[in-house]
């Protein structure tokens, strides 16, 4: 699959053509399957959940079990120890238990899901490839907003760079709602699918293809 390469540089913020790039069909040309994408997204979101914290129940509270009052004659109920849930500092009755929400998923399915997510954006016309993220002059949010408006980033866009993020672009885009930036190593199905547009640099394309073909 051949895609036109855009560039952020140019006079008065206009985008110039940066040539073409040949995308690997084994990475960007796979027919997406909703069931595979759903499995990977479910796996991601489940593993993001933290462990449920357990409450201390009666057997977990460190208090004496000695009978603290007389059986009769005290004018109060006949309690055996202070660990009962009705006392301040006692154990919680039927409290929440520790629980892990992590799921396992075969590595082949995870790899296939990421390829399908990339392919879905490429085949759906929602993929933009830019030469790099370098900005002419000072990295300003106003200037960047004008540039990405002409490139057609849409309502929200995920921008993926190579190994390291472009510092100027990161600073300029930090105040733009709907523009998120990450390195190629962080590419994942959930973030790709929840953004309208996927923007890759040449370095990101090379890293992603090397990641799957290496």
C-alpha atoms as a PDB file:
ATOM      1  CA  UNK A   1       0.000   0.000   0.000  1.00  0.00           C
ATOM      2  CA  UNK A   2       1.411   3.353  -1.080  1.00  0.00           C
ATOM      3  CA  UNK A   3       0.588   6.435   1.008  1.00  0.00           C
ATOM      4  CA  UNK A   4       1.401  10.084   0.383  1.00  0.00           C
ATOM      5  CA  UNK A   5       3.744  11.582   2.967  1.00  0.00           C
ATOM      6  CA  UNK A   6       2.791  14.988   4.361  1.00  0.00           C
ATOM      7  CA  UNK A   7       4.987  17.469   6.200  1.00  0.00           C
ATOM      8  CA  UNK A   8       4.330  20.082   8.851  1.00  0.00           C
ATOM      9  CA  UNK A   9       6.825  22.539   7.399  1.00  0.00           C
ATOM     10  CA  UNK A  10       6.014  25.058   4.680  1.00  0.00           C
ATOM     11  CA  UNK A  11       5.310  28.721   4.064  1.00  0.00           C
ATOM     12  CA  UNK A  12       2.538  30.225   6.210  1.00  0.00           C
ATOM     13  CA  UNK A  13       1.818  26.861   7.752  1.00  0.00           C
ATOM     14  CA  UNK A  14       0.864  25.095   4.505  1.00  0.00           C
ATOM     15  CA  UNK A  15       1.590  21.403   4.127  1.00  0.00           C
ATOM     16  CA  UNK A  16       3.954  20.301   1.379  1.00  0.00           C
ATOM     17  CA  UNK A  17       4.058  16.874  -0.168  1.00  0.00           C
ATOM     18  CA  UNK A  18       6.921  14.797   1.203  1.00  0.00           C
ATOM     19  CA  UNK A  19       6.851  12.017  -1.388  1.00  0.00           C
ATOM     20  CA  UNK A  20       5.322   8.568  -1.009  1.00  0.00           C
ATOM     21  CA  UNK A  21       5.955   5.680   1.337  1.00  0.00           C
ATOM     22  CA  UNK A  22       5.276   2.009   0.717  1.00  0.00           C
ATOM     23  CA  UNK A  23       3.516   0.427   3.690  1.00  0.00           C
ATOM     24  CA  UNK A  24       4.007  -3.259   4.393  1.00  0.00           C
ATOM     25  CA  UNK A  25       0.790  -5.120   3.539  1.00  0.00           C
ATOM     26  CA  UNK A  26       1.586  -7.672   6.250  1.00  0.00           C
ATOM     27  CA  UNK A  27       1.165  -4.889   8.822  1.00  0.00           C
ATOM     28  CA  UNK A  28      -1.146  -2.324   7.212  1.00  0.00           C
ATOM     29  CA  UNK A  29      -3.087  -4.495   4.752  1.00  0.00           C
ATOM     30  CA  UNK A  30      -4.814  -7.096   6.941  1.00  0.00           C
ATOM     31  CA  UNK A  31      -8.597  -7.324   6.839  1.00  0.00           C
ATOM     32  CA  UNK A  32      -9.801  -6.233  10.309  1.00  0.00           C
ATOM     33  CA  UNK A  33     -11.961  -8.529  12.417  1.00  0.00           C
ATOM     34  CA  UNK A  34     -14.218  -7.034  15.068  1.00  0.00           C
ATOM     35  CA  UNK A  35     -13.943 -10.080  17.332  1.00  0.00           C
ATOM     36  CA  UNK A  36     -10.132  -9.918  17.466  1.00  0.00           C
ATOM     37  CA  UNK A  37     -10.134  -6.168  18.136  1.00  0.00           C
ATOM     38  CA  UNK A  38     -12.768  -6.646  20.845  1.00  0.00           C
ATOM     39  CA  UNK A  39     -10.731  -9.359  22.579  1.00  0.00           C
ATOM     40  CA  UNK A  40      -7.589  -7.230  22.632  1.00  0.00           C
ATOM     41  CA  UNK A  41      -9.368  -4.102  23.860  1.00  0.00           C
ATOM     42  CA  UNK A  42     -11.113  -6.094  26.602  1.00  0.00           C
ATOM     43  CA  UNK A  43      -7.758  -7.558  27.645  1.00  0.00           C
ATOM     44  CA  UNK A  44      -6.160  -4.096  27.765  1.00  0.00           C
ATOM     45  CA  UNK A  45      -8.916  -2.483  29.809  1.00  0.00           C
ATOM     46  CA  UNK A  46      -9.119  -5.401  32.249  1.00  0.00           C
ATOM     47  CA  UNK A  47      -5.388  -5.259  32.915  1.00  0.00           C
ATOM     48  CA  UNK A  48      -5.576  -1.513  33.568  1.00  0.00           C
ATOM     49  CA  UNK A  49      -7.854  -2.074  36.550  1.00  0.00           C
ATOM     50  CA  UNK A  50      -6.214  -2.010  39.939  1.00  0.00           C
ATOM     51  CA  UNK A  51      -6.610  -4.767  42.475  1.00  0.00           C
ATOM     52  CA  UNK A  52      -9.660  -4.490  44.718  1.00  0.00           C
ATOM     53  CA  UNK A  53      -8.558  -3.689  48.257  1.00  0.00           C
ATOM     54  CA  UNK A  54      -9.626  -6.132  50.948  1.00  0.00           C
ATOM     55  CA  UNK A  55     -11.252  -4.979  54.197  1.00  0.00           C
ATOM     56  CA  UNK A  56     -10.150  -6.379  57.538  1.00  0.00           C
ATOM     57  CA  UNK A  57     -12.737  -8.778  58.837  1.00  0.00           C
ATOM     58  CA  UNK A  58     -13.176 -10.088  62.359  1.00  0.00           C
ATOM     59  CA  UNK A  59     -10.374 -12.623  62.078  1.00  0.00           C
ATOM     60  CA  UNK A  60      -7.953  -9.999  60.687  1.00  0.00           C
ATOM     61  CA  UNK A  61      -8.274  -7.402  63.453  1.00  0.00           C
ATOM     62  CA  UNK A  62      -5.475  -7.470  66.043  1.00  0.00           C
ATOM     63  CA  UNK A  63      -7.487  -7.127  69.261  1.00  0.00           C
ATOM     64  CA  UNK A  64      -7.744  -9.283  72.308  1.00  0.00           C
ATOM     65  CA  UNK A  65     -10.155 -12.177  72.313  1.00  0.00           C
ATOM     66  CA  UNK A  66     -10.479 -12.150  76.059  1.00  0.00           C
ATOM     67  CA  UNK A  67     -13.976 -11.695  77.433  1.00  0.00           C
ATOM     68  CA  UNK A  68     -14.007  -8.066  78.587  1.00  0.00           C
ATOM     69  CA  UNK A  69     -17.086  -8.069  80.823  1.00  0.00           C
ATOM     70  CA  UNK A  70     -19.090 -10.248  83.116  1.00  0.00           C
ATOM     71  CA  UNK A  71     -21.647 -12.587  81.690  1.00  0.00           C
ATOM     72  CA  UNK A  72     -24.359 -11.117  83.943  1.00  0.00           C
ATOM     73  CA  UNK A  73     -24.904  -8.091  86.086  1.00  0.00           C
ATOM     74  CA  UNK A  74     -23.212  -5.502  83.901  1.00  0.00           C
ATOM     75  CA  UNK A  75     -26.376  -4.108  82.382  1.00  0.00           C
ATOM     76  CA  UNK A  76     -25.018  -4.606  78.855  1.00  0.00           C
ATOM     77  CA  UNK A  77     -25.123  -7.282  76.224  1.00  0.00           C
ATOM     78  CA  UNK A  78     -22.962 -10.376  76.720  1.00  0.00           C
ATOM     79  CA  UNK A  79     -20.104  -9.859  74.227  1.00  0.00           C
ATOM     80  CA  UNK A  80     -17.127 -12.145  73.999  1.00  0.00           C
ATOM     81  CA  UNK A  81     -14.422  -9.839  72.524  1.00  0.00           C
ATOM     82  CA  UNK A  82     -13.775  -6.428  70.970  1.00  0.00           C
ATOM     83  CA  UNK A  83     -13.264  -7.762  67.436  1.00  0.00           C
ATOM     84  CA  UNK A  84     -17.002  -7.864  66.805  1.00  0.00           C
ATOM     85  CA  UNK A  85     -18.149  -5.627  63.903  1.00  0.00           C
ATOM     86  CA  UNK A  86     -20.433  -3.576  66.162  1.00  0.00           C
ATOM     87  CA  UNK A  87     -17.475  -2.068  68.055  1.00  0.00           C
ATOM     88  CA  UNK A  88     -15.291   0.805  66.864  1.00  0.00           C
ATOM     89  CA  UNK A  89     -12.050  -0.767  65.649  1.00  0.00           C
ATOM     90  CA  UNK A  90     -13.671  -4.139  65.128  1.00  0.00           C
ATOM     91  CA  UNK A  91     -13.612  -6.150  61.921  1.00  0.00           C
ATOM     92  CA  UNK A  92     -15.953  -5.363  59.042  1.00  0.00           C
ATOM     93  CA  UNK A  93     -18.816  -7.764  58.510  1.00  0.00           C
ATOM     94  CA  UNK A  94     -18.887  -9.260  54.997  1.00  0.00           C
ATOM     95  CA  UNK A  95     -16.261  -6.832  53.716  1.00  0.00           C
ATOM     96  CA  UNK A  96     -14.798  -6.776  50.177  1.00  0.00           C
ATOM     97  CA  UNK A  97     -12.174  -9.407  49.379  1.00  0.00           C
ATOM     98  CA  UNK A  98      -8.931  -8.895  47.472  1.00  0.00           C
ATOM     99  CA  UNK A  99      -9.509  -9.526  43.787  1.00  0.00           C
ATOM    100  CA  UNK A 100      -7.368  -9.379  40.656  1.00  0.00           C
ATOM    101  CA  UNK A 101      -8.948  -8.409  37.341  1.00  0.00           C
ATOM    102  CA  UNK A 102      -6.008  -9.239  35.060  1.00  0.00           C
ATOM    103  CA  UNK A 103      -6.636 -11.462  32.053  1.00  0.00           C
ATOM    104  CA  UNK A 104      -4.321 -13.481  29.869  1.00  0.00           C
ATOM    105  CA  UNK A 105      -4.285 -13.323  26.083  1.00  0.00           C
ATOM    106  CA  UNK A 106      -2.196 -15.237  23.581  1.00  0.00           C
ATOM    107  CA  UNK A 107       0.673 -13.176  22.158  1.00  0.00           C
ATOM    108  CA  UNK A 108      -0.327 -14.066  18.597  1.00  0.00           C
ATOM    109  CA  UNK A 109      -3.773 -12.573  19.189  1.00  0.00           C
ATOM    110  CA  UNK A 110      -2.267  -9.402  20.672  1.00  0.00           C
ATOM    111  CA  UNK A 111       0.060  -8.970  17.693  1.00  0.00           C
ATOM    112  CA  UNK A 112      -2.723  -9.695  15.227  1.00  0.00           C
ATOM    113  CA  UNK A 113      -4.996  -7.203  16.977  1.00  0.00           C
ATOM    114  CA  UNK A 114      -2.441  -4.391  16.676  1.00  0.00           C
ATOM    115  CA  UNK A 115      -1.894  -5.158  12.991  1.00  0.00           C
ATOM    116  CA  UNK A 116      -5.639  -5.096  12.416  1.00  0.00           C
ATOM    117  CA  UNK A 117      -5.988  -1.768  14.222  1.00  0.00           C
ATOM    118  CA  UNK A 118      -3.292  -0.243  11.997  1.00  0.00           C
ATOM    119  CA  UNK A 119      -4.871  -1.803   8.927  1.00  0.00           C
ATOM    120  CA  UNK A 120      -8.320  -0.503   9.866  1.00  0.00           C
ATOM    121  CA  UNK A 121      -7.014   3.071   9.907  1.00  0.00           C
ATOM    122  CA  UNK A 122      -5.028   2.629   6.688  1.00  0.00           C
ATOM    123  CA  UNK A 123      -7.858   0.972   4.752  1.00  0.00           C
ATOM    124  CA  UNK A 124     -10.467   3.376   6.120  1.00  0.00           C
ATOM    125  CA  UNK A 125      -8.600   6.475   4.973  1.00  0.00           C
ATOM    126  CA  UNK A 126      -7.946   7.546   8.566  1.00  0.00           C
ATOM    127  CA  UNK A 127      -4.154   7.212   8.395  1.00  0.00           C
ATOM    128  CA  UNK A 128      -1.845  10.181   7.840  1.00  0.00           C
ATOM    129  CA  UNK A 129       1.902   9.753   7.400  1.00  0.00           C
ATOM    130  CA  UNK A 130       4.120  12.763   8.027  1.00  0.00           C
ATOM    131  CA  UNK A 131       7.809  13.079   7.283  1.00  0.00           C
ATOM    132  CA  UNK A 132       8.604  14.238  10.822  1.00  0.00           C
ATOM    133  CA  UNK A 133       7.216  16.412  13.585  1.00  0.00           C
ATOM    134  CA  UNK A 134       9.728  19.235  13.257  1.00  0.00           C
ATOM    135  CA  UNK A 135       8.214  22.716  13.372  1.00  0.00           C
ATOM    136  CA  UNK A 136       9.588  25.790  11.677  1.00  0.00           C
ATOM    137  CA  UNK A 137      10.661  28.452  14.134  1.00  0.00           C
ATOM    138  CA  UNK A 138       9.253  28.500  17.658  1.00  0.00           C
ATOM    139  CA  UNK A 139       7.013  25.654  18.791  1.00  0.00           C
ATOM    140  CA  UNK A 140       3.728  27.458  19.424  1.00  0.00           C
ATOM    141  CA  UNK A 141       0.295  25.949  19.932  1.00  0.00           C
ATOM    142  CA  UNK A 142      -1.412  28.478  17.674  1.00  0.00           C
ATOM    143  CA  UNK A 143       0.937  27.739  14.769  1.00  0.00           C
ATOM    144  CA  UNK A 144       0.564  23.978  15.214  1.00  0.00           C
ATOM    145  CA  UNK A 145      -3.233  24.221  15.332  1.00  0.00           C
ATOM    146  CA  UNK A 146      -3.228  25.926  11.922  1.00  0.00           C
ATOM    147  CA  UNK A 147      -0.910  23.277  10.464  1.00  0.00           C
ATOM    148  CA  UNK A 148      -2.859  20.239  11.657  1.00  0.00           C
ATOM    149  CA  UNK A 149      -6.099  21.871  10.528  1.00  0.00           C
ATOM    150  CA  UNK A 150      -4.815  21.817   6.946  1.00  0.00           C
ATOM    151  CA  UNK A 151      -3.590  18.240   7.302  1.00  0.00           C
ATOM    152  CA  UNK A 152      -7.041  17.047   8.389  1.00  0.00           C
ATOM    153  CA  UNK A 153      -6.424  15.545  11.822  1.00  0.00           C
ATOM    154  CA  UNK A 154     -10.182  15.397  12.480  1.00  0.00           C
ATOM    155  CA  UNK A 155     -11.862  15.694  15.882  1.00  0.00           C
ATOM    156  CA  UNK A 156      -9.109  13.786  17.645  1.00  0.00           C
ATOM    157  CA  UNK A 157      -5.863  12.238  16.514  1.00  0.00           C
ATOM    158  CA  UNK A 158      -3.234   9.911  17.915  1.00  0.00           C
ATOM    159  CA  UNK A 159       0.255  10.929  16.792  1.00  0.00           C
ATOM    160  CA  UNK A 160       2.915   8.232  16.990  1.00  0.00           C
ATOM    161  CA  UNK A 161       6.590   9.139  16.656  1.00  0.00           C
ATOM    162  CA  UNK A 162       9.730   6.975  16.605  1.00  0.00           C
ATOM    163  CA  UNK A 163      11.842   5.997  19.613  1.00  0.00           C
ATOM    164  CA  UNK A 164      11.871   9.506  21.095  1.00  0.00           C
ATOM    165  CA  UNK A 165       9.172  12.167  21.016  1.00  0.00           C
ATOM    166  CA  UNK A 166       9.748  15.465  19.263  1.00  0.00           C
ATOM    167  CA  UNK A 167      10.094  17.941  22.134  1.00  0.00           C
ATOM    168  CA  UNK A 168       8.805  20.967  20.214  1.00  0.00           C
ATOM    169  CA  UNK A 169       5.731  19.162  18.916  1.00  0.00           C
ATOM    170  CA  UNK A 170       5.050  17.702  22.365  1.00  0.00           C
ATOM    171  CA  UNK A 171       5.107  21.173  23.942  1.00  0.00           C
ATOM    172  CA  UNK A 172       2.974  22.762  21.236  1.00  0.00           C
ATOM    173  CA  UNK A 173       0.378  19.966  21.211  1.00  0.00           C
ATOM    174  CA  UNK A 174       0.046  19.659  24.992  1.00  0.00           C
ATOM    175  CA  UNK A 175      -2.648  22.357  25.045  1.00  0.00           C
ATOM    176  CA  UNK A 176      -4.554  21.013  22.042  1.00  0.00           C
ATOM    177  CA  UNK A 177      -7.620  19.016  22.983  1.00  0.00           C
ATOM    178  CA  UNK A 178      -7.927  15.848  20.957  1.00  0.00           C
ATOM    179  CA  UNK A 179      -4.245  15.517  19.981  1.00  0.00           C
ATOM    180  CA  UNK A 180      -2.313  12.822  21.847  1.00  0.00           C
ATOM    181  CA  UNK A 181       1.316  11.885  21.306  1.00  0.00           C
ATOM    182  CA  UNK A 182       3.176   8.674  22.095  1.00  0.00           C
ATOM    183  CA  UNK A 183       6.338   6.814  20.976  1.00  0.00           C
ATOM    184  CA  UNK A 184       6.127   3.812  18.668  1.00  0.00           C
ATOM    185  CA  UNK A 185       6.815   1.403  21.533  1.00  0.00           C
ATOM    186  CA  UNK A 186       3.544   2.507  23.175  1.00  0.00           C
ATOM    187  CA  UNK A 187       1.293   1.823  20.171  1.00  0.00           C
ATOM    188  CA  UNK A 188      -1.733  -0.200  21.278  1.00  0.00           C
ATOM    189  CA  UNK A 189      -5.125  -1.221  19.941  1.00  0.00           C
ATOM    190  CA  UNK A 190      -7.300   0.701  22.408  1.00  0.00           C
ATOM    191  CA  UNK A 191      -5.682   4.098  21.852  1.00  0.00           C
ATOM    192  CA  UNK A 192      -5.554   3.634  18.071  1.00  0.00           C
ATOM    193  CA  UNK A 193      -9.212   2.670  17.764  1.00  0.00           C
ATOM    194  CA  UNK A 194     -10.593   5.359  20.075  1.00  0.00           C
ATOM    195  CA  UNK A 195      -9.065   8.173  17.990  1.00  0.00           C
ATOM    196  CA  UNK A 196     -10.609   9.285  14.720  1.00  0.00           C
ATOM    197  CA  UNK A 197      -7.260   9.738  12.947  1.00  0.00           C
ATOM    198  CA  UNK A 198      -3.939   7.941  13.268  1.00  0.00           C
ATOM    199  CA  UNK A 199      -0.843   9.994  12.419  1.00  0.00           C
ATOM    200  CA  UNK A 200       2.486   8.209  11.943  1.00  0.00           C
ATOM    201  CA  UNK A 201       5.900   9.646  11.246  1.00  0.00           C
ATOM    202  CA  UNK A 202       8.321   7.898   8.887  1.00  0.00           C
ATOM    203  CA  UNK A 203      10.287   6.790  11.938  1.00  0.00           C
ATOM    204  CA  UNK A 204       7.131   5.340  13.506  1.00  0.00           C
ATOM    205  CA  UNK A 205       6.309   3.365  10.362  1.00  0.00           C
ATOM    206  CA  UNK A 206       9.825   1.929  10.302  1.00  0.00           C
ATOM    207  CA  UNK A 207       9.697   1.005  13.995  1.00  0.00           C
ATOM    208  CA  UNK A 208       6.267  -0.630  13.745  1.00  0.00           C
ATOM    209  CA  UNK A 209       7.206  -2.665  10.681  1.00  0.00           C
ATOM    210  CA  UNK A 210      10.498  -3.714  12.281  1.00  0.00           C
ATOM    211  CA  UNK A 211       8.596  -4.652  15.441  1.00  0.00           C
ATOM    212  CA  UNK A 212       6.465  -7.167  13.561  1.00  0.00           C
ATOM    213  CA  UNK A 213       8.971  -8.342  10.967  1.00  0.00           C
ATOM    214  CA  UNK A 214      11.909  -8.631  13.333  1.00  0.00           C
END
